[in-house]
């Protein structure tokens, strides 16, 4: 073999290997971009447009129907502060039809190289791809921020007013976010949480806003905020120590599952649980797109 050719051969082999590696890297990048685009389109397709308007936020005495078909008039919520009804005016926005699932959240953490959430829970909860993702407030907002970064749109957790307005199908005087207005409860037999979409949607087309998991919203919690809330697009107090959760959970009774149900927890709630960890079913979320017009899906 020619001496010069012998010297060039290892180099040529290395170049071929690098080219093959580069081609594989390009193919992987293309697959990733395709998967991301497909994911973005699925996000847009599962947004429900909510036309803005005004409503009386908070609970008024109303008639509700329980799971047995019994009617009862009165205050249903166990949160007394929600009886401080007040007028709210909201701009139009879109909200996710379903709670964010573990499949959604795992896609986000895989792309951003973050740690997958809720891998160390023990007990009876289910961490399935189509189950609502159990997240801290900050983890939930980080996910919505990521949607903003990959779409160029303005995603965030819903404000408390946006959440209630949507749950009540644009502010209607209802108690439960179900098609019939009747309280519904299902049991999986394994866990008190169910796959998203297990219940029929409310008249606006939103699933599981009465049951399944509590949902994080944007606002800081304040007991008397309803007394002092501004009328136009309220976003909660400027500061606080806990964030608001809206809606109920399957493990709760009907009085904890109304469209008015309100509670609060620390931003990093799961991180504070050192000796006992609540099931992942406890707290989930969905994002809103703060845009005054419906999204045109390709």
C-alpha atoms as a PDB file:
ATOM      1  CA  UNK A   1       0.000   0.000   0.000  1.00  0.00           C
ATOM      2  CA  UNK A   2       1.200   3.493  -0.792  1.00  0.00           C
ATOM      3  CA  UNK A   3       2.665   5.050   2.360  1.00  0.00           C
ATOM      4  CA  UNK A   4       0.768   8.331   1.956  1.00  0.00           C
ATOM      5  CA  UNK A   5      -2.504   6.478   1.326  1.00  0.00           C
ATOM      6  CA  UNK A   6      -1.885   4.384   4.458  1.00  0.00           C
ATOM      7  CA  UNK A   7      -1.530   7.577   6.496  1.00  0.00           C
ATOM      8  CA  UNK A   8      -4.726   9.036   5.025  1.00  0.00           C
ATOM      9  CA  UNK A   9      -6.877   5.925   5.569  1.00  0.00           C
ATOM     10  CA  UNK A  10      -7.492   6.332   9.371  1.00  0.00           C
ATOM     11  CA  UNK A  11      -8.326   9.963   8.790  1.00  0.00           C
ATOM     12  CA  UNK A  12     -10.837   9.096   6.076  1.00  0.00           C
ATOM     13  CA  UNK A  13     -12.422   6.492   8.320  1.00  0.00           C
ATOM     14  CA  UNK A  14     -12.706   9.080  11.118  1.00  0.00           C
ATOM     15  CA  UNK A  15     -14.295  11.580   8.739  1.00  0.00           C
ATOM     16  CA  UNK A  16     -16.826   8.955   7.632  1.00  0.00           C
ATOM     17  CA  UNK A  17     -17.625   8.119  11.261  1.00  0.00           C
ATOM     18  CA  UNK A  18     -18.033  11.812  12.088  1.00  0.00           C
ATOM     19  CA  UNK A  19     -20.231  12.319   9.050  1.00  0.00           C
ATOM     20  CA  UNK A  20     -22.369   9.352  10.039  1.00  0.00           C
ATOM     21  CA  UNK A  21     -22.571  10.688  13.573  1.00  0.00           C
ATOM     22  CA  UNK A  22     -23.448  14.122  12.256  1.00  0.00           C
ATOM     23  CA  UNK A  23     -26.167  12.683  10.037  1.00  0.00           C
ATOM     24  CA  UNK A  24     -27.598  10.760  12.995  1.00  0.00           C
ATOM     25  CA  UNK A  25     -27.497  13.912  15.110  1.00  0.00           C
ATOM     26  CA  UNK A  26     -29.313  15.811  12.360  1.00  0.00           C
ATOM     27  CA  UNK A  27     -31.945  13.070  12.121  1.00  0.00           C
ATOM     28  CA  UNK A  28     -32.420  13.123  15.898  1.00  0.00           C
ATOM     29  CA  UNK A  29     -32.739  16.898  15.826  1.00  0.00           C
ATOM     30  CA  UNK A  30     -35.328  16.692  13.054  1.00  0.00           C
ATOM     31  CA  UNK A  31     -37.297  14.082  15.010  1.00  0.00           C
ATOM     32  CA  UNK A  32     -37.166  16.290  18.084  1.00  0.00           C
ATOM     33  CA  UNK A  33     -38.368  19.358  16.181  1.00  0.00           C
ATOM     34  CA  UNK A  34     -41.154  17.307  14.601  1.00  0.00           C
ATOM     35  CA  UNK A  35     -42.218  15.979  18.005  1.00  0.00           C
ATOM     36  CA  UNK A  36     -42.157  19.498  19.439  1.00  0.00           C
ATOM     37  CA  UNK A  37     -44.262  20.872  16.589  1.00  0.00           C
ATOM     38  CA  UNK A  38     -46.730  18.022  16.998  1.00  0.00           C
ATOM     39  CA  UNK A  39     -46.897  18.748  20.713  1.00  0.00           C
ATOM     40  CA  UNK A  40     -47.530  22.466  20.112  1.00  0.00           C
ATOM     41  CA  UNK A  41     -50.368  21.669  17.725  1.00  0.00           C
ATOM     42  CA  UNK A  42     -51.934  19.330  20.305  1.00  0.00           C
ATOM     43  CA  UNK A  43     -51.760  22.157  22.869  1.00  0.00           C
ATOM     44  CA  UNK A  44     -53.547  24.534  20.506  1.00  0.00           C
ATOM     45  CA  UNK A  45     -56.174  21.947  19.546  1.00  0.00           C
ATOM     46  CA  UNK A  46     -57.062  21.411  23.197  1.00  0.00           C
ATOM     47  CA  UNK A  47     -57.618  25.066  24.027  1.00  0.00           C
ATOM     48  CA  UNK A  48     -61.143  26.285  24.696  1.00  0.00           C
ATOM     49  CA  UNK A  49     -61.811  29.917  23.818  1.00  0.00           C
ATOM     50  CA  UNK A  50     -63.571  31.836  26.577  1.00  0.00           C
ATOM     51  CA  UNK A  51     -65.200  35.049  25.425  1.00  0.00           C
ATOM     52  CA  UNK A  52     -64.674  37.821  27.940  1.00  0.00           C
ATOM     53  CA  UNK A  53     -67.442  39.458  29.883  1.00  0.00           C
ATOM     54  CA  UNK A  54     -68.580  40.372  33.371  1.00  0.00           C
ATOM     55  CA  UNK A  55     -69.976  38.269  36.218  1.00  0.00           C
ATOM     56  CA  UNK A  56     -70.508  38.245  39.956  1.00  0.00           C
ATOM     57  CA  UNK A  57     -67.533  36.311  41.309  1.00  0.00           C
ATOM     58  CA  UNK A  58     -68.157  34.380  44.496  1.00  0.00           C
ATOM     59  CA  UNK A  59     -71.029  32.253  45.719  1.00  0.00           C
ATOM     60  CA  UNK A  60     -74.659  33.269  45.944  1.00  0.00           C
ATOM     61  CA  UNK A  61     -77.378  31.003  47.370  1.00  0.00           C
ATOM     62  CA  UNK A  62     -78.325  28.632  44.568  1.00  0.00           C
ATOM     63  CA  UNK A  63     -79.999  25.303  43.880  1.00  0.00           C
ATOM     64  CA  UNK A  64     -77.714  22.322  43.366  1.00  0.00           C
ATOM     65  CA  UNK A  65     -78.416  18.662  42.658  1.00  0.00           C
ATOM     66  CA  UNK A  66     -76.426  15.998  44.473  1.00  0.00           C
ATOM     67  CA  UNK A  67     -75.422  12.558  43.155  1.00  0.00           C
ATOM     68  CA  UNK A  68     -78.771  11.131  44.245  1.00  0.00           C
ATOM     69  CA  UNK A  69     -80.795  13.736  42.382  1.00  0.00           C
ATOM     70  CA  UNK A  70     -81.773  15.647  45.528  1.00  0.00           C
ATOM     71  CA  UNK A  71     -82.144  19.408  45.197  1.00  0.00           C
ATOM     72  CA  UNK A  72     -80.982  21.770  47.866  1.00  0.00           C
ATOM     73  CA  UNK A  73     -80.825  25.561  47.937  1.00  0.00           C
ATOM     74  CA  UNK A  74     -78.248  27.496  49.914  1.00  0.00           C
ATOM     75  CA  UNK A  75     -74.524  28.076  50.244  1.00  0.00           C
ATOM     76  CA  UNK A  76     -72.568  24.976  49.243  1.00  0.00           C
ATOM     77  CA  UNK A  77     -68.956  25.964  49.638  1.00  0.00           C
ATOM     78  CA  UNK A  78     -67.068  25.441  52.894  1.00  0.00           C
ATOM     79  CA  UNK A  79     -64.926  28.520  52.169  1.00  0.00           C
ATOM     80  CA  UNK A  80     -66.821  31.367  53.868  1.00  0.00           C
ATOM     81  CA  UNK A  81     -64.815  34.096  52.137  1.00  0.00           C
ATOM     82  CA  UNK A  82     -66.343  33.203  48.768  1.00  0.00           C
ATOM     83  CA  UNK A  83     -69.643  34.677  49.938  1.00  0.00           C
ATOM     84  CA  UNK A  84     -68.041  38.124  49.448  1.00  0.00           C
ATOM     85  CA  UNK A  85     -69.462  38.401  45.927  1.00  0.00           C
ATOM     86  CA  UNK A  86     -68.049  41.119  43.705  1.00  0.00           C
ATOM     87  CA  UNK A  87     -68.256  42.232  40.094  1.00  0.00           C
ATOM     88  CA  UNK A  88     -65.448  41.164  37.760  1.00  0.00           C
ATOM     89  CA  UNK A  89     -64.802  42.052  34.118  1.00  0.00           C
ATOM     90  CA  UNK A  90     -62.473  39.817  32.098  1.00  0.00           C
ATOM     91  CA  UNK A  91     -60.872  40.045  28.675  1.00  0.00           C
ATOM     92  CA  UNK A  92     -61.205  37.023  26.385  1.00  0.00           C
ATOM     93  CA  UNK A  93     -58.700  34.179  26.780  1.00  0.00           C
ATOM     94  CA  UNK A  94     -58.298  30.468  26.048  1.00  0.00           C
ATOM     95  CA  UNK A  95     -57.888  27.722  28.636  1.00  0.00           C
ATOM     96  CA  UNK A  96     -56.728  24.126  28.355  1.00  0.00           C
ATOM     97  CA  UNK A  97     -59.565  21.639  28.007  1.00  0.00           C
ATOM     98  CA  UNK A  98     -57.846  19.106  30.277  1.00  0.00           C
ATOM     99  CA  UNK A  99     -55.519  19.233  33.254  1.00  0.00           C
ATOM    100  CA  UNK A 100     -51.861  18.903  32.244  1.00  0.00           C
ATOM    101  CA  UNK A 101     -50.878  15.225  32.288  1.00  0.00           C
ATOM    102  CA  UNK A 102     -47.689  13.436  33.269  1.00  0.00           C
ATOM    103  CA  UNK A 103     -47.085  12.738  29.566  1.00  0.00           C
ATOM    104  CA  UNK A 104     -47.236  16.488  28.891  1.00  0.00           C
ATOM    105  CA  UNK A 105     -44.981  17.347  31.800  1.00  0.00           C
ATOM    106  CA  UNK A 106     -42.478  14.560  31.070  1.00  0.00           C
ATOM    107  CA  UNK A 107     -42.128  15.847  27.500  1.00  0.00           C
ATOM    108  CA  UNK A 108     -41.299  19.280  28.925  1.00  0.00           C
ATOM    109  CA  UNK A 109     -38.708  17.957  31.397  1.00  0.00           C
ATOM    110  CA  UNK A 110     -37.090  15.725  28.767  1.00  0.00           C
ATOM    111  CA  UNK A 111     -36.635  18.645  26.382  1.00  0.00           C
ATOM    112  CA  UNK A 112     -35.347  20.998  29.076  1.00  0.00           C
ATOM    113  CA  UNK A 113     -33.259  18.293  30.793  1.00  0.00           C
ATOM    114  CA  UNK A 114     -35.022  18.875  34.108  1.00  0.00           C
ATOM    115  CA  UNK A 115     -35.760  16.194  36.689  1.00  0.00           C
ATOM    116  CA  UNK A 116     -39.033  14.341  36.172  1.00  0.00           C
ATOM    117  CA  UNK A 117     -41.595  15.216  38.810  1.00  0.00           C
ATOM    118  CA  UNK A 118     -43.143  12.894  41.388  1.00  0.00           C
ATOM    119  CA  UNK A 119     -41.025   9.800  40.885  1.00  0.00           C
ATOM    120  CA  UNK A 120     -40.534   9.059  44.579  1.00  0.00           C
ATOM    121  CA  UNK A 121     -44.114   8.799  45.799  1.00  0.00           C
ATOM    122  CA  UNK A 122     -45.044   5.697  47.750  1.00  0.00           C
ATOM    123  CA  UNK A 123     -48.554   4.367  48.150  1.00  0.00           C
ATOM    124  CA  UNK A 124     -51.685   4.034  46.085  1.00  0.00           C
ATOM    125  CA  UNK A 125     -51.431   6.935  43.656  1.00  0.00           C
ATOM    126  CA  UNK A 126     -51.019   6.391  39.928  1.00  0.00           C
ATOM    127  CA  UNK A 127     -48.348   8.092  37.871  1.00  0.00           C
ATOM    128  CA  UNK A 128     -49.718   7.215  34.458  1.00  0.00           C
ATOM    129  CA  UNK A 129     -49.149   9.224  31.274  1.00  0.00           C
ATOM    130  CA  UNK A 130     -52.801  10.313  31.048  1.00  0.00           C
ATOM    131  CA  UNK A 131     -53.195  11.160  34.746  1.00  0.00           C
ATOM    132  CA  UNK A 132     -53.039  14.770  35.980  1.00  0.00           C
ATOM    133  CA  UNK A 133     -49.489  15.840  36.824  1.00  0.00           C
ATOM    134  CA  UNK A 134     -49.022  16.477  40.547  1.00  0.00           C
ATOM    135  CA  UNK A 135     -46.957  19.646  40.787  1.00  0.00           C
ATOM    136  CA  UNK A 136     -45.912  22.478  43.064  1.00  0.00           C
ATOM    137  CA  UNK A 137     -47.133  25.947  42.104  1.00  0.00           C
ATOM    138  CA  UNK A 138     -43.695  26.878  40.756  1.00  0.00           C
ATOM    139  CA  UNK A 139     -43.445  23.683  38.704  1.00  0.00           C
ATOM    140  CA  UNK A 140     -46.865  24.432  37.238  1.00  0.00           C
ATOM    141  CA  UNK A 141     -46.002  28.013  36.345  1.00  0.00           C
ATOM    142  CA  UNK A 142     -42.629  26.916  34.912  1.00  0.00           C
ATOM    143  CA  UNK A 143     -44.482  24.598  32.555  1.00  0.00           C
ATOM    144  CA  UNK A 144     -46.780  27.399  31.379  1.00  0.00           C
ATOM    145  CA  UNK A 145     -43.735  29.658  30.920  1.00  0.00           C
ATOM    146  CA  UNK A 146     -42.150  26.940  28.781  1.00  0.00           C
ATOM    147  CA  UNK A 147     -45.254  26.860  26.584  1.00  0.00           C
ATOM    148  CA  UNK A 148     -44.737  30.591  26.093  1.00  0.00           C
ATOM    149  CA  UNK A 149     -41.105  30.041  25.099  1.00  0.00           C
ATOM    150  CA  UNK A 150     -41.827  27.370  22.457  1.00  0.00           C
ATOM    151  CA  UNK A 151     -44.892  29.074  20.981  1.00  0.00           C
ATOM    152  CA  UNK A 152     -44.078  32.769  21.279  1.00  0.00           C
ATOM    153  CA  UNK A 153     -47.486  33.246  22.925  1.00  0.00           C
ATOM    154  CA  UNK A 154     -48.469  34.433  26.428  1.00  0.00           C
ATOM    155  CA  UNK A 155     -49.254  31.323  28.489  1.00  0.00           C
ATOM    156  CA  UNK A 156     -49.614  31.329  32.281  1.00  0.00           C
ATOM    157  CA  UNK A 157     -51.587  29.778  35.076  1.00  0.00           C
ATOM    158  CA  UNK A 158     -55.148  31.147  35.043  1.00  0.00           C
ATOM    159  CA  UNK A 159     -56.011  33.872  37.474  1.00  0.00           C
ATOM    160  CA  UNK A 160     -58.529  32.868  40.086  1.00  0.00           C
ATOM    161  CA  UNK A 161     -61.164  34.958  38.304  1.00  0.00           C
ATOM    162  CA  UNK A 162     -60.390  33.320  34.935  1.00  0.00           C
ATOM    163  CA  UNK A 163     -60.627  29.861  36.506  1.00  0.00           C
ATOM    164  CA  UNK A 164     -64.005  30.508  38.142  1.00  0.00           C
ATOM    165  CA  UNK A 165     -65.461  32.292  35.105  1.00  0.00           C
ATOM    166  CA  UNK A 166     -64.552  29.277  32.924  1.00  0.00           C
ATOM    167  CA  UNK A 167     -65.689  26.673  35.469  1.00  0.00           C
ATOM    168  CA  UNK A 168     -69.042  28.438  35.666  1.00  0.00           C
ATOM    169  CA  UNK A 169     -69.327  28.503  31.864  1.00  0.00           C
ATOM    170  CA  UNK A 170     -68.813  32.263  31.621  1.00  0.00           C
ATOM    171  CA  UNK A 171     -70.120  33.123  35.055  1.00  0.00           C
ATOM    172  CA  UNK A 172     -73.396  31.214  35.229  1.00  0.00           C
ATOM    173  CA  UNK A 173     -74.881  30.690  38.689  1.00  0.00           C
ATOM    174  CA  UNK A 174     -74.056  26.980  38.980  1.00  0.00           C
ATOM    175  CA  UNK A 175     -72.590  24.888  41.782  1.00  0.00           C
ATOM    176  CA  UNK A 176     -70.915  22.007  39.922  1.00  0.00           C
ATOM    177  CA  UNK A 177     -69.031  22.160  36.600  1.00  0.00           C
ATOM    178  CA  UNK A 178     -70.927  19.274  34.997  1.00  0.00           C
ATOM    179  CA  UNK A 179     -73.272  19.112  31.977  1.00  0.00           C
ATOM    180  CA  UNK A 180     -76.336  18.573  34.166  1.00  0.00           C
ATOM    181  CA  UNK A 181     -75.223  20.649  37.125  1.00  0.00           C
ATOM    182  CA  UNK A 182     -75.399  17.483  39.246  1.00  0.00           C
ATOM    183  CA  UNK A 183     -72.532  16.401  41.456  1.00  0.00           C
ATOM    184  CA  UNK A 184     -70.772  13.307  40.109  1.00  0.00           C
ATOM    185  CA  UNK A 185     -68.286  11.010  41.768  1.00  0.00           C
ATOM    186  CA  UNK A 186     -66.400   8.055  40.353  1.00  0.00           C
ATOM    187  CA  UNK A 187     -63.916   5.713  41.960  1.00  0.00           C
ATOM    188  CA  UNK A 188     -61.091   4.028  40.097  1.00  0.00           C
ATOM    189  CA  UNK A 189     -60.725   1.310  42.715  1.00  0.00           C
ATOM    190  CA  UNK A 190     -56.980   1.985  42.926  1.00  0.00           C
ATOM    191  CA  UNK A 191     -56.729   5.678  43.562  1.00  0.00           C
ATOM    192  CA  UNK A 192     -58.846   8.728  44.125  1.00  0.00           C
ATOM    193  CA  UNK A 193     -57.450  10.254  40.960  1.00  0.00           C
ATOM    194  CA  UNK A 194     -58.595   9.337  37.445  1.00  0.00           C
ATOM    195  CA  UNK A 195     -57.260   9.929  33.927  1.00  0.00           C
ATOM    196  CA  UNK A 196     -58.053  13.396  32.621  1.00  0.00           C
ATOM    197  CA  UNK A 197     -61.355  13.595  30.788  1.00  0.00           C
ATOM    198  CA  UNK A 198     -62.995  10.878  32.894  1.00  0.00           C
ATOM    199  CA  UNK A 199     -65.956  13.175  33.531  1.00  0.00           C
ATOM    200  CA  UNK A 200     -68.193  14.809  30.970  1.00  0.00           C
ATOM    201  CA  UNK A 201     -67.254  18.453  30.327  1.00  0.00           C
ATOM    202  CA  UNK A 202     -69.119  21.487  31.591  1.00  0.00           C
ATOM    203  CA  UNK A 203     -71.249  23.365  28.996  1.00  0.00           C
ATOM    204  CA  UNK A 204     -68.163  25.345  27.942  1.00  0.00           C
ATOM    205  CA  UNK A 205     -66.285  22.120  27.099  1.00  0.00           C
ATOM    206  CA  UNK A 206     -63.880  21.937  30.061  1.00  0.00           C
ATOM    207  CA  UNK A 207     -63.239  18.627  31.809  1.00  0.00           C
ATOM    208  CA  UNK A 208     -62.732  17.763  35.485  1.00  0.00           C
ATOM    209  CA  UNK A 209     -63.143  21.243  36.962  1.00  0.00           C
ATOM    210  CA  UNK A 210     -65.454  19.964  39.684  1.00  0.00           C
ATOM    211  CA  UNK A 211     -63.520  16.812  40.568  1.00  0.00           C
ATOM    212  CA  UNK A 212     -60.252  14.852  40.132  1.00  0.00           C
ATOM    213  CA  UNK A 213     -57.587  17.245  41.498  1.00  0.00           C
ATOM    214  CA  UNK A 214     -57.381  20.731  42.922  1.00  0.00           C
ATOM    215  CA  UNK A 215     -55.836  23.188  40.468  1.00  0.00           C
ATOM    216  CA  UNK A 216     -53.242  25.895  41.010  1.00  0.00           C
ATOM    217  CA  UNK A 217     -54.056  29.414  39.869  1.00  0.00           C
ATOM    218  CA  UNK A 218     -51.907  32.520  39.536  1.00  0.00           C
ATOM    219  CA  UNK A 219     -53.092  34.455  42.608  1.00  0.00           C
ATOM    220  CA  UNK A 220     -51.560  34.839  46.019  1.00  0.00           C
ATOM    221  CA  UNK A 221     -54.040  33.860  48.721  1.00  0.00           C
ATOM    222  CA  UNK A 222     -55.763  36.400  50.956  1.00  0.00           C
ATOM    223  CA  UNK A 223     -58.862  35.673  53.003  1.00  0.00           C
ATOM    224  CA  UNK A 224     -60.449  39.074  52.387  1.00  0.00           C
ATOM    225  CA  UNK A 225     -59.271  39.665  48.814  1.00  0.00           C
ATOM    226  CA  UNK A 226     -62.807  39.193  47.500  1.00  0.00           C
ATOM    227  CA  UNK A 227     -63.791  42.291  49.488  1.00  0.00           C
ATOM    228  CA  UNK A 228     -61.062  44.390  47.880  1.00  0.00           C
ATOM    229  CA  UNK A 229     -60.690  42.887  44.406  1.00  0.00           C
ATOM    230  CA  UNK A 230     -60.485  45.303  41.458  1.00  0.00           C
ATOM    231  CA  UNK A 231     -63.175  44.940  38.807  1.00  0.00           C
ATOM    232  CA  UNK A 232     -61.043  44.696  35.654  1.00  0.00           C
ATOM    233  CA  UNK A 233     -58.939  41.532  35.175  1.00  0.00           C
ATOM    234  CA  UNK A 234     -58.046  40.959  38.858  1.00  0.00           C
ATOM    235  CA  UNK A 235     -54.812  39.047  39.489  1.00  0.00           C
ATOM    236  CA  UNK A 236     -54.890  38.680  43.260  1.00  0.00           C
ATOM    237  CA  UNK A 237     -52.840  40.395  45.960  1.00  0.00           C
ATOM    238  CA  UNK A 238     -49.374  41.683  45.045  1.00  0.00           C
ATOM    239  CA  UNK A 239     -47.663  39.527  47.670  1.00  0.00           C
ATOM    240  CA  UNK A 240     -48.419  36.624  49.971  1.00  0.00           C
ATOM    241  CA  UNK A 241     -47.088  33.427  51.504  1.00  0.00           C
ATOM    242  CA  UNK A 242     -49.390  30.918  49.787  1.00  0.00           C
ATOM    243  CA  UNK A 243     -50.960  30.465  46.351  1.00  0.00           C
ATOM    244  CA  UNK A 244     -54.626  29.728  45.674  1.00  0.00           C
ATOM    245  CA  UNK A 245     -55.979  26.313  44.660  1.00  0.00           C
ATOM    246  CA  UNK A 246     -59.406  26.055  43.046  1.00  0.00           C
ATOM    247  CA  UNK A 247     -61.787  23.165  42.539  1.00  0.00           C
ATOM    248  CA  UNK A 248     -62.063  19.952  44.469  1.00  0.00           C
ATOM    249  CA  UNK A 249     -60.668  16.449  44.424  1.00  0.00           C
ATOM    250  CA  UNK A 250     -62.273  13.031  44.138  1.00  0.00           C
ATOM    251  CA  UNK A 251     -61.369  12.163  47.704  1.00  0.00           C
ATOM    252  CA  UNK A 252     -63.529  15.056  48.933  1.00  0.00           C
ATOM    253  CA  UNK A 253     -67.283  15.187  49.491  1.00  0.00           C
ATOM    254  CA  UNK A 254     -69.560  17.291  47.297  1.00  0.00           C
ATOM    255  CA  UNK A 255     -69.264  20.413  49.472  1.00  0.00           C
ATOM    256  CA  UNK A 256     -65.532  20.455  48.679  1.00  0.00           C
ATOM    257  CA  UNK A 257     -66.093  20.019  44.946  1.00  0.00           C
ATOM    258  CA  UNK A 258     -68.037  23.118  43.965  1.00  0.00           C
ATOM    259  CA  UNK A 259     -66.962  25.714  41.409  1.00  0.00           C
ATOM    260  CA  UNK A 260     -66.457  28.023  44.397  1.00  0.00           C
ATOM    261  CA  UNK A 261     -64.195  25.753  46.453  1.00  0.00           C
ATOM    262  CA  UNK A 262     -61.033  27.629  47.436  1.00  0.00           C
ATOM    263  CA  UNK A 263     -57.923  26.694  49.421  1.00  0.00           C
ATOM    264  CA  UNK A 264     -54.229  27.572  49.514  1.00  0.00           C
ATOM    265  CA  UNK A 265     -50.759  26.044  49.875  1.00  0.00           C
ATOM    266  CA  UNK A 266     -47.108  27.112  49.817  1.00  0.00           C
ATOM    267  CA  UNK A 267     -45.427  27.529  46.423  1.00  0.00           C
ATOM    268  CA  UNK A 268     -43.016  24.632  47.065  1.00  0.00           C
ATOM    269  CA  UNK A 269     -45.542  22.522  48.953  1.00  0.00           C
ATOM    270  CA  UNK A 270     -44.270  19.070  47.957  1.00  0.00           C
ATOM    271  CA  UNK A 271     -40.680  19.956  48.857  1.00  0.00           C
ATOM    272  CA  UNK A 272     -41.786  20.728  52.411  1.00  0.00           C
ATOM    273  CA  UNK A 273     -43.242  17.251  52.928  1.00  0.00           C
ATOM    274  CA  UNK A 274     -40.293  15.409  54.453  1.00  0.00           C
ATOM    275  CA  UNK A 275     -41.944  12.588  56.380  1.00  0.00           C
ATOM    276  CA  UNK A 276     -45.246  12.133  54.596  1.00  0.00           C
ATOM    277  CA  UNK A 277     -45.842  12.820  50.935  1.00  0.00           C
ATOM    278  CA  UNK A 278     -49.332  13.471  49.679  1.00  0.00           C
ATOM    279  CA  UNK A 279     -50.336  11.484  46.611  1.00  0.00           C
ATOM    280  CA  UNK A 280     -49.668  13.106  43.260  1.00  0.00           C
ATOM    281  CA  UNK A 281     -53.406  13.364  42.795  1.00  0.00           C
ATOM    282  CA  UNK A 282     -53.677  16.229  45.271  1.00  0.00           C
ATOM    283  CA  UNK A 283     -52.714  19.232  43.140  1.00  0.00           C
ATOM    284  CA  UNK A 284     -52.709  19.696  39.378  1.00  0.00           C
ATOM    285  CA  UNK A 285     -53.111  22.569  36.952  1.00  0.00           C
ATOM    286  CA  UNK A 286     -54.009  23.798  33.485  1.00  0.00           C
ATOM    287  CA  UNK A 287     -52.673  26.822  31.591  1.00  0.00           C
ATOM    288  CA  UNK A 288     -54.388  29.734  29.875  1.00  0.00           C
ATOM    289  CA  UNK A 289     -53.427  31.587  26.728  1.00  0.00           C
ATOM    290  CA  UNK A 290     -53.914  35.289  27.323  1.00  0.00           C
ATOM    291  CA  UNK A 291     -55.034  36.242  23.841  1.00  0.00           C
ATOM    292  CA  UNK A 292     -58.258  38.041  22.992  1.00  0.00           C
ATOM    293  CA  UNK A 293     -58.923  36.032  19.826  1.00  0.00           C
ATOM    294  CA  UNK A 294     -59.321  32.281  19.227  1.00  0.00           C
ATOM    295  CA  UNK A 295     -56.238  30.381  18.098  1.00  0.00           C
ATOM    296  CA  UNK A 296     -56.212  29.271  14.465  1.00  0.00           C
ATOM    297  CA  UNK A 297     -55.023  25.643  14.420  1.00  0.00           C
ATOM    298  CA  UNK A 298     -53.212  24.349  11.336  1.00  0.00           C
END
